[in-house]
Amino acid sequence: MYVIPDTDYTINASAKTITLAAAYATLSAGQITKIKDITTEEILYDSERVSFTGPQISVATGVITYTQGNKVANTDKLRIVVDANYSDIYHLDGGSA
């Protein structure tokens, strides 16, 4: 499990999208395990929670569209946890991959 660094995404809160850096263009929805807004403590997506069953996110060419989350702002910090093996993603323990 890895966390995408803050510098590798931008948020468009009104469109409910998160645009990832080019290195993540091939990331699929199935590889994303959790998205949490660290600023507001709001969970936008969690693949392991029963309340998040169904298509709460979609991913197309590095753009994540989410349906949960009404408190998100463009300047918020997110924790995007992925089950992927990218060299520029950080381990959950803070070390680099």
PDB file of N, CA and C in Angstrom:
ATOM      1  N   MET A   1       0.840  -1.177   0.000  1.00  0.00           N
ATOM      2  CA  MET A   1       0.000   0.000   0.000  1.00  0.00           C
ATOM      3  C   MET A   1       0.888   1.245   0.000  1.00  0.00           C
ATOM      4  N   TYR A   2       0.493   2.208  -0.778  1.00  0.00           N
ATOM      5  CA  TYR A   2       1.272   3.436  -0.905  1.00  0.00           C
ATOM      6  C   TYR A   2       0.356   4.650  -0.875  1.00  0.00           C
ATOM      7  N   VAL A   3       0.916   5.804  -0.529  1.00  0.00           N
ATOM      8  CA  VAL A   3       0.180   7.060  -0.491  1.00  0.00           C
ATOM      9  C   VAL A   3       0.743   7.977  -1.565  1.00  0.00           C
ATOM     10  N   ILE A   4      -0.139   8.539  -2.369  1.00  0.00           N
ATOM     11  CA  ILE A   4       0.288   9.476  -3.405  1.00  0.00           C
ATOM     12  C   ILE A   4       0.669  10.795  -2.726  1.00  0.00           C
ATOM     13  N   PRO A   5       1.844  11.336  -3.008  1.00  0.00           N
ATOM     14  CA  PRO A   5       2.303  12.578  -2.374  1.00  0.00           C
ATOM     15  C   PRO A   5       1.402  13.770  -2.721  1.00  0.00           C
ATOM     16  N   ASP A   6       1.343  14.735  -1.803  1.00  0.00           N
ATOM     17  CA  ASP A   6       0.532  15.945  -1.990  1.00  0.00           C
ATOM     18  C   ASP A   6       0.857  16.682  -3.281  1.00  0.00           C
ATOM     19  N   THR A   7       2.092  16.615  -3.700  1.00  0.00           N
ATOM     20  CA  THR A   7       2.518  17.343  -4.899  1.00  0.00           C
ATOM     21  C   THR A   7       2.066  16.678  -6.195  1.00  0.00           C
ATOM     22  N   ASP A   8       1.481  15.496  -6.099  1.00  0.00           N
ATOM     23  CA  ASP A   8       1.119  14.734  -7.296  1.00  0.00           C
ATOM     24  C   ASP A   8      -0.373  14.699  -7.596  1.00  0.00           C
ATOM     25  N   TYR A   9      -1.143  15.630  -7.038  1.00  0.00           N
ATOM     26  CA  TYR A   9      -2.561  15.717  -7.372  1.00  0.00           C
ATOM     27  C   TYR A   9      -3.069  17.143  -7.182  1.00  0.00           C
ATOM     28  N   THR A  10      -4.154  17.459  -7.866  1.00  0.00           N
ATOM     29  CA  THR A  10      -4.880  18.708  -7.659  1.00  0.00           C
ATOM     30  C   THR A  10      -6.358  18.366  -7.506  1.00  0.00           C
ATOM     31  N   ILE A  11      -7.032  19.156  -6.692  1.00  0.00           N
ATOM     32  CA  ILE A  11      -8.444  18.924  -6.407  1.00  0.00           C
ATOM     33  C   ILE A  11      -9.285  19.989  -7.102  1.00  0.00           C
ATOM     34  N   ASN A  12     -10.388  19.568  -7.713  1.00  0.00           N
ATOM     35  CA  ASN A  12     -11.422  20.482  -8.187  1.00  0.00           C
ATOM     36  C   ASN A  12     -12.676  20.097  -7.412  1.00  0.00           C
ATOM     37  N   ALA A  13     -12.889  20.757  -6.280  1.00  0.00           N
ATOM     38  CA  ALA A  13     -13.963  20.373  -5.360  1.00  0.00           C
ATOM     39  C   ALA A  13     -15.346  20.529  -5.983  1.00  0.00           C
ATOM     40  N   SER A  14     -15.569  21.571  -6.765  1.00  0.00           N
ATOM     41  CA  SER A  14     -16.897  21.776  -7.354  1.00  0.00           C
ATOM     42  C   SER A  14     -17.235  20.693  -8.371  1.00  0.00           C
ATOM     43  N   ALA A  15     -16.235  20.171  -9.067  1.00  0.00           N
ATOM     44  CA  ALA A  15     -16.448  19.089 -10.037  1.00  0.00           C
ATOM     45  C   ALA A  15     -16.323  17.707  -9.390  1.00  0.00           C
ATOM     46  N   LYS A  16     -15.889  17.675  -8.121  1.00  0.00           N
ATOM     47  CA  LYS A  16     -15.623  16.425  -7.396  1.00  0.00           C
ATOM     48  C   LYS A  16     -14.627  15.543  -8.148  1.00  0.00           C
ATOM     49  N   THR A  17     -13.518  16.175  -8.563  1.00  0.00           N
ATOM     50  CA  THR A  17     -12.466  15.433  -9.250  1.00  0.00           C
ATOM     51  C   THR A  17     -11.117  15.683  -8.591  1.00  0.00           C
ATOM     52  N   ILE A  18     -10.253  14.693  -8.731  1.00  0.00           N
ATOM     53  CA  ILE A  18      -8.866  14.771  -8.291  1.00  0.00           C
ATOM     54  C   ILE A  18      -8.027  14.392  -9.502  1.00  0.00           C
ATOM     55  N   THR A  19      -7.209  15.317  -9.968  1.00  0.00           N
ATOM     56  CA  THR A  19      -6.358  15.054 -11.123  1.00  0.00           C
ATOM     57  C   THR A  19      -4.977  14.656 -10.633  1.00  0.00           C
ATOM     58  N   LEU A  20      -4.550  13.475 -11.038  1.00  0.00           N
ATOM     59  CA  LEU A  20      -3.260  12.940 -10.616  1.00  0.00           C
ATOM     60  C   LEU A  20      -2.170  13.320 -11.609  1.00  0.00           C
ATOM     61  N   ALA A  21      -0.930  13.317 -11.143  1.00  0.00           N
ATOM     62  CA  ALA A  21       0.223  13.570 -12.009  1.00  0.00           C
ATOM     63  C   ALA A  21       0.290  12.493 -13.094  1.00  0.00           C
ATOM     64  N   ALA A  22       0.978  12.798 -14.171  1.00  0.00           N
ATOM     65  CA  ALA A  22       1.066  11.909 -15.337  1.00  0.00           C
ATOM     66  C   ALA A  22       1.550  10.504 -14.984  1.00  0.00           C
ATOM     67  N   ALA A  23       2.375  10.375 -13.969  1.00  0.00           N
ATOM     68  CA  ALA A  23       2.899   9.057 -13.578  1.00  0.00           C
ATOM     69  C   ALA A  23       1.794   8.088 -13.159  1.00  0.00           C
ATOM     70  N   TYR A  24       0.623   8.617 -12.837  1.00  0.00           N
ATOM     71  CA  TYR A  24      -0.487   7.791 -12.356  1.00  0.00           C
ATOM     72  C   TYR A  24      -1.594   7.635 -13.396  1.00  0.00           C
ATOM     73  N   ALA A  25      -1.322   7.951 -14.638  1.00  0.00           N
ATOM     74  CA  ALA A  25      -2.339   7.925 -15.695  1.00  0.00           C
ATOM     75  C   ALA A  25      -2.962   6.551 -15.893  1.00  0.00           C
ATOM     76  N   THR A  26      -2.244   5.498 -15.553  1.00  0.00           N
ATOM     77  CA  THR A  26      -2.770   4.144 -15.753  1.00  0.00           C
ATOM     78  C   THR A  26      -3.411   3.558 -14.491  1.00  0.00           C
ATOM     79  N   LEU A  27      -3.466   4.326 -13.424  1.00  0.00           N
ATOM     80  CA  LEU A  27      -4.078   3.862 -12.181  1.00  0.00           C
ATOM     81  C   LEU A  27      -5.563   3.571 -12.404  1.00  0.00           C
ATOM     82  N   SER A  28      -6.037   2.452 -11.868  1.00  0.00           N
ATOM     83  CA  SER A  28      -7.451   2.088 -12.026  1.00  0.00           C
ATOM     84  C   SER A  28      -8.193   2.263 -10.701  1.00  0.00           C
ATOM     85  N   ALA A  29      -9.508   2.319 -10.771  1.00  0.00           N
ATOM     86  CA  ALA A  29     -10.329   2.455  -9.567  1.00  0.00           C
ATOM     87  C   ALA A  29     -10.089   1.291  -8.613  1.00  0.00           C
ATOM     88  N   GLY A  30      -9.855   0.114  -9.148  1.00  0.00           N
ATOM     89  CA  GLY A  30      -9.608  -1.057  -8.318  1.00  0.00           C
ATOM     90  C   GLY A  30      -8.316  -0.994  -7.525  1.00  0.00           C
ATOM     91  N   GLN A  31      -7.391  -0.136  -7.925  1.00  0.00           N
ATOM     92  CA  GLN A  31      -6.124   0.012  -7.213  1.00  0.00           C
ATOM     93  C   GLN A  31      -6.208   1.030  -6.079  1.00  0.00           C
ATOM     94  N   ILE A  32      -7.264   1.812  -6.032  1.00  0.00           N
ATOM     95  CA  ILE A  32      -7.426   2.820  -4.987  1.00  0.00           C
ATOM     96  C   ILE A  32      -8.182   2.186  -3.829  1.00  0.00           C
ATOM     97  N   THR A  33      -7.577   2.204  -2.648  1.00  0.00           N
ATOM     98  CA  THR A  33      -8.221   1.577  -1.496  1.00  0.00           C
ATOM     99  C   THR A  33      -8.879   2.584  -0.562  1.00  0.00           C
ATOM    100  N   LYS A  34      -8.349   3.817  -0.512  1.00  0.00           N
ATOM    101  CA  LYS A  34      -8.940   4.809   0.383  1.00  0.00           C
ATOM    102  C   LYS A  34      -8.552   6.211  -0.054  1.00  0.00           C
ATOM    103  N   ILE A  35      -9.505   7.129   0.067  1.00  0.00           N
ATOM    104  CA  ILE A  35      -9.231   8.552  -0.127  1.00  0.00           C
ATOM    105  C   ILE A  35      -9.825   9.281   1.069  1.00  0.00           C
ATOM    106  N   LYS A  36      -8.979   9.986   1.792  1.00  0.00           N
ATOM    107  CA  LYS A  36      -9.432  10.728   2.971  1.00  0.00           C
ATOM    108  C   LYS A  36      -8.971  12.167   2.869  1.00  0.00           C
ATOM    109  N   ASP A  37      -9.877  13.093   3.165  1.00  0.00           N
ATOM    110  CA  ASP A  37      -9.530  14.505   3.243  1.00  0.00           C
ATOM    111  C   ASP A  37      -8.911  14.721   4.623  1.00  0.00           C
ATOM    112  N   ILE A  38      -7.623  14.920   4.670  1.00  0.00           N
ATOM    113  CA  ILE A  38      -6.904  15.086   5.935  1.00  0.00           C
ATOM    114  C   ILE A  38      -7.303  16.398   6.613  1.00  0.00           C
ATOM    115  N   THR A  39      -7.618  17.411   5.825  1.00  0.00           N
ATOM    116  CA  THR A  39      -7.980  18.717   6.363  1.00  0.00           C
ATOM    117  C   THR A  39      -9.287  18.659   7.144  1.00  0.00           C
ATOM    118  N   THR A  40     -10.298  17.990   6.591  1.00  0.00           N
ATOM    119  CA  THR A  40     -11.621  17.937   7.228  1.00  0.00           C
ATOM    120  C   THR A  40     -11.894  16.616   7.938  1.00  0.00           C
ATOM    121  N   GLU A  41     -10.994  15.639   7.780  1.00  0.00           N
ATOM    122  CA  GLU A  41     -11.157  14.287   8.334  1.00  0.00           C
ATOM    123  C   GLU A  41     -12.313  13.524   7.679  1.00  0.00           C
ATOM    124  N   GLU A  42     -12.756  13.962   6.521  1.00  0.00           N
ATOM    125  CA  GLU A  42     -13.862  13.314   5.818  1.00  0.00           C
ATOM    126  C   GLU A  42     -13.331  12.204   4.908  1.00  0.00           C
ATOM    127  N   ILE A  43     -13.954  11.041   4.964  1.00  0.00           N
ATOM    128  CA  ILE A  43     -13.575   9.938   4.088  1.00  0.00           C
ATOM    129  C   ILE A  43     -14.355  10.069   2.785  1.00  0.00           C
ATOM    130  N   LEU A  44     -13.630  10.166   1.682  1.00  0.00           N
ATOM    131  CA  LEU A  44     -14.255  10.287   0.366  1.00  0.00           C
ATOM    132  C   LEU A  44     -14.498   8.927  -0.264  1.00  0.00           C
ATOM    133  N   TYR A  45     -13.629   7.976   0.072  1.00  0.00           N
ATOM    134  CA  TYR A  45     -13.772   6.623  -0.463  1.00  0.00           C
ATOM    135  C   TYR A  45     -13.007   5.654   0.416  1.00  0.00           C
ATOM    136  N   ASP A  46     -13.612   4.494   0.661  1.00  0.00           N
ATOM    137  CA  ASP A  46     -12.940   3.426   1.398  1.00  0.00           C
ATOM    138  C   ASP A  46     -13.463   2.102   0.865  1.00  0.00           C
ATOM    139  N   SER A  47     -12.622   1.358   0.208  1.00  0.00           N
ATOM    140  CA  SER A  47     -13.034   0.107  -0.425  1.00  0.00           C
ATOM    141  C   SER A  47     -13.455  -0.957   0.582  1.00  0.00           C
ATOM    142  N   GLU A  48     -13.107  -0.780   1.849  1.00  0.00           N
ATOM    143  CA  GLU A  48     -13.418  -1.788   2.860  1.00  0.00           C
ATOM    144  C   GLU A  48     -14.653  -1.470   3.695  1.00  0.00           C
ATOM    145  N   ARG A  49     -15.260  -0.313   3.509  1.00  0.00           N
ATOM    146  CA  ARG A  49     -16.434   0.056   4.308  1.00  0.00           C
ATOM    147  C   ARG A  49     -17.713  -0.321   3.586  1.00  0.00           C
ATOM    148  N   VAL A  50     -18.626  -0.924   4.304  1.00  0.00           N
ATOM    149  CA  VAL A  50     -19.899  -1.364   3.736  1.00  0.00           C
ATOM    150  C   VAL A  50     -20.678  -0.191   3.148  1.00  0.00           C
ATOM    151  N   SER A  51     -20.640   0.960   3.796  1.00  0.00           N
ATOM    152  CA  SER A  51     -21.391   2.125   3.323  1.00  0.00           C
ATOM    153  C   SER A  51     -20.850   2.676   2.008  1.00  0.00           C
ATOM    154  N   PHE A  52     -19.703   2.197   1.579  1.00  0.00           N
ATOM    155  CA  PHE A  52     -19.099   2.661   0.342  1.00  0.00           C
ATOM    156  C   PHE A  52     -19.235   1.638  -0.781  1.00  0.00           C
ATOM    157  N   THR A  53     -20.239   0.762  -0.703  1.00  0.00           N
ATOM    158  CA  THR A  53     -20.441  -0.204  -1.778  1.00  0.00           C
ATOM    159  C   THR A  53     -21.027   0.506  -2.987  1.00  0.00           C
ATOM    160  N   GLY A  54     -20.680   0.040  -4.148  1.00  0.00           N
ATOM    161  CA  GLY A  54     -21.144   0.684  -5.375  1.00  0.00           C
ATOM    162  C   GLY A  54     -20.083   1.602  -5.942  1.00  0.00           C
ATOM    163  N   PRO A  55     -20.391   2.266  -7.027  1.00  0.00           N
ATOM    164  CA  PRO A  55     -19.386   3.085  -7.724  1.00  0.00           C
ATOM    165  C   PRO A  55     -19.228   4.484  -7.133  1.00  0.00           C
ATOM    166  N   GLN A  56     -18.513   4.606  -6.023  1.00  0.00           N
ATOM    167  CA  GLN A  56     -18.285   5.916  -5.428  1.00  0.00           C
ATOM    168  C   GLN A  56     -17.133   6.670  -6.077  1.00  0.00           C
ATOM    169  N   ILE A  57     -16.304   5.960  -6.812  1.00  0.00           N
ATOM    170  CA  ILE A  57     -15.248   6.629  -7.573  1.00  0.00           C
ATOM    171  C   ILE A  57     -15.182   6.013  -8.961  1.00  0.00           C
ATOM    172  N   SER A  58     -14.696   6.814  -9.872  1.00  0.00           N
ATOM    173  CA  SER A  58     -14.331   6.305 -11.191  1.00  0.00           C
ATOM    174  C   SER A  58     -13.003   6.952 -11.540  1.00  0.00           C
ATOM    175  N   VAL A  59     -12.239   6.289 -12.374  1.00  0.00           N
ATOM    176  CA  VAL A  59     -10.926   6.806 -12.755  1.00  0.00           C
ATOM    177  C   VAL A  59     -10.787   6.699 -14.263  1.00  0.00           C
ATOM    178  N   ALA A  60     -10.390   7.794 -14.886  1.00  0.00           N
ATOM    179  CA  ALA A  60     -10.141   7.804 -16.326  1.00  0.00           C
ATOM    180  C   ALA A  60      -8.918   8.666 -16.596  1.00  0.00           C
ATOM    181  N   THR A  61      -7.888   8.071 -17.133  1.00  0.00           N
ATOM    182  CA  THR A  61      -6.646   8.749 -17.514  1.00  0.00           C
ATOM    183  C   THR A  61      -6.123   9.658 -16.407  1.00  0.00           C
ATOM    184  N   GLY A  62      -6.040   9.122 -15.205  1.00  0.00           N
ATOM    185  CA  GLY A  62      -5.453   9.866 -14.101  1.00  0.00           C
ATOM    186  C   GLY A  62      -6.366  10.865 -13.420  1.00  0.00           C
ATOM    187  N   VAL A  63      -7.650  10.859 -13.732  1.00  0.00           N
ATOM    188  CA  VAL A  63      -8.603  11.749 -13.070  1.00  0.00           C
ATOM    189  C   VAL A  63      -9.591  10.898 -12.278  1.00  0.00           C
ATOM    190  N   ILE A  64      -9.615  11.120 -10.971  1.00  0.00           N
ATOM    191  CA  ILE A  64     -10.546  10.416 -10.088  1.00  0.00           C
ATOM    192  C   ILE A  64     -11.785  11.286  -9.917  1.00  0.00           C
ATOM    193  N   THR A  65     -12.945  10.709 -10.149  1.00  0.00           N
ATOM    194  CA  THR A  65     -14.207  11.387  -9.868  1.00  0.00           C
ATOM    195  C   THR A  65     -14.832  10.678  -8.675  1.00  0.00           C
ATOM    196  N   TYR A  66     -15.200  11.453  -7.662  1.00  0.00           N
ATOM    197  CA  TYR A  66     -15.764  10.874  -6.443  1.00  0.00           C
ATOM    198  C   TYR A  66     -17.183  11.400  -6.214  1.00  0.00           C
ATOM    199  N   THR A  67     -17.989  10.633  -5.469  1.00  0.00           N
ATOM    200  CA  THR A  67     -19.371  11.039  -5.202  1.00  0.00           C
ATOM    201  C   THR A  67     -19.582  11.448  -3.752  1.00  0.00           C
ATOM    202  N   GLN A  68     -18.769  10.949  -2.840  1.00  0.00           N
ATOM    203  CA  GLN A  68     -18.867  11.303  -1.419  1.00  0.00           C
ATOM    204  C   GLN A  68     -18.079  12.582  -1.169  1.00  0.00           C
ATOM    205  N   GLY A  69     -18.398  13.263  -0.089  1.00  0.00           N
ATOM    206  CA  GLY A  69     -17.591  14.405   0.328  1.00  0.00           C
ATOM    207  C   GLY A  69     -18.183  15.735  -0.069  1.00  0.00           C
ATOM    208  N   ASN A  70     -18.733  16.436   0.907  1.00  0.00           N
ATOM    209  CA  ASN A  70     -19.321  17.750   0.656  1.00  0.00           C
ATOM    210  C   ASN A  70     -18.526  18.877   1.292  1.00  0.00           C
ATOM    211  N   LYS A  71     -17.491  18.551   2.038  1.00  0.00           N
ATOM    212  CA  LYS A  71     -16.697  19.553   2.747  1.00  0.00           C
ATOM    213  C   LYS A  71     -15.353  19.819   2.069  1.00  0.00           C
ATOM    214  N   VAL A  72     -15.091  19.184   0.954  1.00  0.00           N
ATOM    215  CA  VAL A  72     -13.779  19.259   0.301  1.00  0.00           C
ATOM    216  C   VAL A  72     -13.564  20.640  -0.324  1.00  0.00           C
ATOM    217  N   ALA A  73     -12.359  21.179  -0.146  1.00  0.00           N
ATOM    218  CA  ALA A  73     -11.950  22.432  -0.783  1.00  0.00           C
ATOM    219  C   ALA A  73     -10.745  22.147  -1.677  1.00  0.00           C
ATOM    220  N   ASN A  74     -10.558  22.986  -2.677  1.00  0.00           N
ATOM    221  CA  ASN A  74      -9.451  22.801  -3.626  1.00  0.00           C
ATOM    222  C   ASN A  74      -8.086  22.784  -2.947  1.00  0.00           C
ATOM    223  N   THR A  75      -7.970  23.430  -1.801  1.00  0.00           N
ATOM    224  CA  THR A  75      -6.678  23.546  -1.112  1.00  0.00           C
ATOM    225  C   THR A  75      -6.468  22.489  -0.029  1.00  0.00           C
ATOM    226  N   ASP A  76      -7.432  21.603   0.165  1.00  0.00           N
ATOM    227  CA  ASP A  76      -7.314  20.565   1.195  1.00  0.00           C
ATOM    228  C   ASP A  76      -6.193  19.580   0.871  1.00  0.00           C
ATOM    229  N   LYS A  77      -5.718  18.919   1.900  1.00  0.00           N
ATOM    230  CA  LYS A  77      -4.734  17.844   1.752  1.00  0.00           C
ATOM    231  C   LYS A  77      -5.467  16.513   1.818  1.00  0.00           C
ATOM    232  N   LEU A  78      -5.129  15.623   0.906  1.00  0.00           N
ATOM    233  CA  LEU A  78      -5.748  14.310   0.851  1.00  0.00           C
ATOM    234  C   LEU A  78      -4.737  13.226   1.163  1.00  0.00           C
ATOM    235  N   ARG A  79      -5.242  12.095   1.597  1.00  0.00           N
ATOM    236  CA  ARG A  79      -4.436  10.875   1.697  1.00  0.00           C
ATOM    237  C   ARG A  79      -5.078   9.899   0.726  1.00  0.00           C
ATOM    238  N   ILE A  80      -4.398   9.670  -0.382  1.00  0.00           N
ATOM    239  CA  ILE A  80      -4.885   8.746  -1.401  1.00  0.00           C
ATOM    240  C   ILE A  80      -4.034   7.486  -1.299  1.00  0.00           C
ATOM    241  N   VAL A  81      -4.643   6.421  -0.804  1.00  0.00           N
ATOM    242  CA  VAL A  81      -3.939   5.159  -0.596  1.00  0.00           C
ATOM    243  C   VAL A  81      -4.237   4.253  -1.778  1.00  0.00           C
ATOM    244  N   VAL A  82      -3.175   3.744  -2.373  1.00  0.00           N
ATOM    245  CA  VAL A  82      -3.332   2.884  -3.544  1.00  0.00           C
ATOM    246  C   VAL A  82      -2.597   1.562  -3.343  1.00  0.00           C
ATOM    247  N   ASP A  83      -3.119   0.556  -3.981  1.00  0.00           N
ATOM    248  CA  ASP A  83      -2.487  -0.755  -3.996  1.00  0.00           C
ATOM    249  C   ASP A  83      -1.782  -0.861  -5.341  1.00  0.00           C
ATOM    250  N   ALA A  84      -0.634  -0.222  -5.421  1.00  0.00           N
ATOM    251  CA  ALA A  84       0.097  -0.148  -6.685  1.00  0.00           C
ATOM    252  C   ALA A  84       1.580  -0.096  -6.392  1.00  0.00           C
ATOM    253  N   ASN A  85       2.378  -0.208  -7.424  1.00  0.00           N
ATOM    254  CA  ASN A  85       3.819  -0.240  -7.263  1.00  0.00           C
ATOM    255  C   ASN A  85       4.459   0.829  -8.137  1.00  0.00           C
ATOM    256  N   TYR A  86       4.382   2.087  -7.718  1.00  0.00           N
ATOM    257  CA  TYR A  86       4.995   3.198  -8.438  1.00  0.00           C
ATOM    258  C   TYR A  86       6.243   3.635  -7.687  1.00  0.00           C
ATOM    259  N   SER A  87       7.289   3.953  -8.394  1.00  0.00           N
ATOM    260  CA  SER A  87       8.543   4.329  -7.735  1.00  0.00           C
ATOM    261  C   SER A  87       8.462   5.685  -7.061  1.00  0.00           C
ATOM    262  N   ASP A  88       7.503   6.535  -7.453  1.00  0.00           N
ATOM    263  CA  ASP A  88       7.416   7.864  -6.855  1.00  0.00           C
ATOM    264  C   ASP A  88       6.268   7.984  -5.861  1.00  0.00           C
ATOM    265  N   ILE A  89       5.826   6.856  -5.323  1.00  0.00           N
ATOM    266  CA  ILE A  89       4.804   6.854  -4.285  1.00  0.00           C
ATOM    267  C   ILE A  89       5.482   6.490  -2.971  1.00  0.00           C
ATOM    268  N   TYR A  90       5.002   7.066  -1.886  1.00  0.00           N
ATOM    269  CA  TYR A  90       5.596   6.837  -0.576  1.00  0.00           C
ATOM    270  C   TYR A  90       4.888   5.712   0.164  1.00  0.00           C
ATOM    271  N   HIS A  91       5.646   4.969   0.948  1.00  0.00           N
ATOM    272  CA  HIS A  91       5.073   3.952   1.826  1.00  0.00           C
ATOM    273  C   HIS A  91       4.214   4.635   2.889  1.00  0.00           C
ATOM    274  N   LEU A  92       3.228   3.917   3.400  1.00  0.00           N
ATOM    275  CA  LEU A  92       2.390   4.451   4.471  1.00  0.00           C
ATOM    276  C   LEU A  92       3.202   4.837   5.697  1.00  0.00           C
ATOM    277  N   ASP A  93       4.350   4.198   5.902  1.00  0.00           N
ATOM    278  CA  ASP A  93       5.170   4.515   7.065  1.00  0.00           C
ATOM    279  C   ASP A  93       6.018   5.763   6.853  1.00  0.00           C
ATOM    280  N   GLY A  94       5.869   6.423   5.693  1.00  0.00           N
ATOM    281  CA  GLY A  94       6.589   7.660   5.440  1.00  0.00           C
ATOM    282  C   GLY A  94       7.868   7.486   4.654  1.00  0.00           C
ATOM    283  N   GLY A  95       8.368   6.276   4.507  1.00  0.00           N
ATOM    284  CA  GLY A  95       9.581   6.041   3.731  1.00  0.00           C
ATOM    285  C   GLY A  95       9.285   6.048   2.246  1.00  0.00           C
ATOM    286  N   SER A  96      10.283   6.224   1.446  1.00  0.00           N
ATOM    287  CA  SER A  96      10.059   6.226   0.001  1.00  0.00           C
ATOM    288  C   SER A  96      10.085   4.805  -0.535  1.00  0.00           C
ATOM    289  N   ALA A  97       9.459   4.638  -1.664  1.00  0.00           N
ATOM    290  CA  ALA A  97       9.357   3.311  -2.283  1.00  0.00           C
ATOM    291  C   ALA A  97      10.686   2.871  -2.839  1.00  0.00           C
TER     292      ALA A  97
END
